[in-house]
């Protein structure tokens, strides 16, 4: 198996009470995290106080240079 440069994505670990800023996309702006489940995140706009629940959509990314590719089965 060879190694390659690979981008690794994992769900962002939201925490209730956390204040976040989404820098790009349709959810752009400031939000407060008010709920988190395995599949959903609930956010409140600090200005309008409107609340939205969406499928989890933010991911943190890292790059690894010596990553096996393709990954072996777990």
C-alpha atoms as a PDB file:
ATOM      1  CA  UNK A   1       0.000   0.000   0.000  1.00  0.00           C
ATOM      2  CA  UNK A   2       1.358   3.432  -0.913  1.00  0.00           C
ATOM      3  CA  UNK A   3       1.054   6.702   0.993  1.00  0.00           C
ATOM      4  CA  UNK A   4      -0.367   9.921  -0.413  1.00  0.00           C
ATOM      5  CA  UNK A   5      -1.246  13.471   0.659  1.00  0.00           C
ATOM      6  CA  UNK A   6      -4.854  13.119   1.919  1.00  0.00           C
ATOM      7  CA  UNK A   7      -7.384  15.649   3.289  1.00  0.00           C
ATOM      8  CA  UNK A   8      -9.140  14.211   6.350  1.00  0.00           C
ATOM      9  CA  UNK A   9     -12.618  15.494   7.320  1.00  0.00           C
ATOM     10  CA  UNK A  10     -14.355  14.940  10.647  1.00  0.00           C
ATOM     11  CA  UNK A  11     -17.492  16.531  12.131  1.00  0.00           C
ATOM     12  CA  UNK A  12     -16.822  19.653  14.136  1.00  0.00           C
ATOM     13  CA  UNK A  13     -17.462  19.037  17.868  1.00  0.00           C
ATOM     14  CA  UNK A  14     -20.100  21.714  18.553  1.00  0.00           C
ATOM     15  CA  UNK A  15     -20.810  22.557  22.209  1.00  0.00           C
ATOM     16  CA  UNK A  16     -24.087  24.091  23.471  1.00  0.00           C
ATOM     17  CA  UNK A  17     -23.488  27.711  24.476  1.00  0.00           C
ATOM     18  CA  UNK A  18     -20.660  28.074  21.966  1.00  0.00           C
ATOM     19  CA  UNK A  19     -20.628  31.246  19.881  1.00  0.00           C
ATOM     20  CA  UNK A  20     -19.545  30.660  16.311  1.00  0.00           C
ATOM     21  CA  UNK A  21     -18.992  32.615  13.106  1.00  0.00           C
ATOM     22  CA  UNK A  22     -19.591  30.880   9.787  1.00  0.00           C
ATOM     23  CA  UNK A  23     -17.309  32.559   7.292  1.00  0.00           C
ATOM     24  CA  UNK A  24     -18.852  31.373   4.005  1.00  0.00           C
ATOM     25  CA  UNK A  25     -21.958  29.855   2.511  1.00  0.00           C
ATOM     26  CA  UNK A  26     -25.712  30.176   2.998  1.00  0.00           C
ATOM     27  CA  UNK A  27     -25.426  30.110   6.826  1.00  0.00           C
ATOM     28  CA  UNK A  28     -22.881  32.953   6.847  1.00  0.00           C
ATOM     29  CA  UNK A  29     -22.772  34.987  10.053  1.00  0.00           C
ATOM     30  CA  UNK A  30     -22.822  34.832  13.833  1.00  0.00           C
ATOM     31  CA  UNK A  31     -24.648  32.034  15.661  1.00  0.00           C
ATOM     32  CA  UNK A  32     -25.051  30.584  19.128  1.00  0.00           C
ATOM     33  CA  UNK A  33     -25.109  26.806  19.415  1.00  0.00           C
ATOM     34  CA  UNK A  34     -28.177  25.890  21.484  1.00  0.00           C
ATOM     35  CA  UNK A  35     -28.410  22.151  20.850  1.00  0.00           C
ATOM     36  CA  UNK A  36     -26.361  19.288  19.466  1.00  0.00           C
ATOM     37  CA  UNK A  37     -27.283  15.702  18.682  1.00  0.00           C
ATOM     38  CA  UNK A  38     -25.581  12.920  16.767  1.00  0.00           C
ATOM     39  CA  UNK A  39     -27.097  14.184  13.492  1.00  0.00           C
ATOM     40  CA  UNK A  40     -28.351  17.744  14.093  1.00  0.00           C
ATOM     41  CA  UNK A  41     -27.124  21.099  15.350  1.00  0.00           C
ATOM     42  CA  UNK A  42     -29.534  23.796  16.533  1.00  0.00           C
ATOM     43  CA  UNK A  43     -28.402  27.413  16.142  1.00  0.00           C
ATOM     44  CA  UNK A  44     -29.870  30.756  17.199  1.00  0.00           C
ATOM     45  CA  UNK A  45     -29.240  34.071  15.475  1.00  0.00           C
ATOM     46  CA  UNK A  46     -28.083  36.579  18.143  1.00  0.00           C
ATOM     47  CA  UNK A  47     -29.871  39.457  16.386  1.00  0.00           C
ATOM     48  CA  UNK A  48     -33.251  38.093  15.275  1.00  0.00           C
ATOM     49  CA  UNK A  49     -33.307  35.322  17.938  1.00  0.00           C
ATOM     50  CA  UNK A  50     -34.643  32.959  15.248  1.00  0.00           C
ATOM     51  CA  UNK A  51     -33.672  29.333  15.762  1.00  0.00           C
ATOM     52  CA  UNK A  52     -32.758  26.798  13.096  1.00  0.00           C
ATOM     53  CA  UNK A  53     -32.008  23.107  13.274  1.00  0.00           C
ATOM     54  CA  UNK A  54     -29.867  21.681  10.503  1.00  0.00           C
ATOM     55  CA  UNK A  55     -28.068  18.467   9.742  1.00  0.00           C
ATOM     56  CA  UNK A  56     -24.525  18.809  11.037  1.00  0.00           C
ATOM     57  CA  UNK A  57     -22.623  20.597   8.300  1.00  0.00           C
ATOM     58  CA  UNK A  58     -19.307  21.927   9.635  1.00  0.00           C
ATOM     59  CA  UNK A  59     -16.180  19.860   9.455  1.00  0.00           C
ATOM     60  CA  UNK A  60     -12.660  20.379  10.632  1.00  0.00           C
ATOM     61  CA  UNK A  61      -9.968  19.446   8.155  1.00  0.00           C
ATOM     62  CA  UNK A  62      -6.384  18.385   8.417  1.00  0.00           C
ATOM     63  CA  UNK A  63      -3.941  17.255   5.787  1.00  0.00           C
ATOM     64  CA  UNK A  64      -1.634  14.338   6.219  1.00  0.00           C
ATOM     65  CA  UNK A  65       1.321  13.749   3.914  1.00  0.00           C
ATOM     66  CA  UNK A  66       2.067  10.111   4.797  1.00  0.00           C
ATOM     67  CA  UNK A  67      -1.497   8.776   4.871  1.00  0.00           C
ATOM     68  CA  UNK A  68      -2.195   5.264   3.551  1.00  0.00           C
ATOM     69  CA  UNK A  69      -4.442   5.416   0.509  1.00  0.00           C
ATOM     70  CA  UNK A  70      -6.850   3.814   0.124  1.00  0.00           C
ATOM     71  CA  UNK A  71      -7.473   3.378   3.857  1.00  0.00           C
ATOM     72  CA  UNK A  72      -7.572  -0.160   5.174  1.00  0.00           C
ATOM     73  CA  UNK A  73     -10.968  -1.322   6.412  1.00  0.00           C
ATOM     74  CA  UNK A  74     -11.581  -0.803  10.134  1.00  0.00           C
END
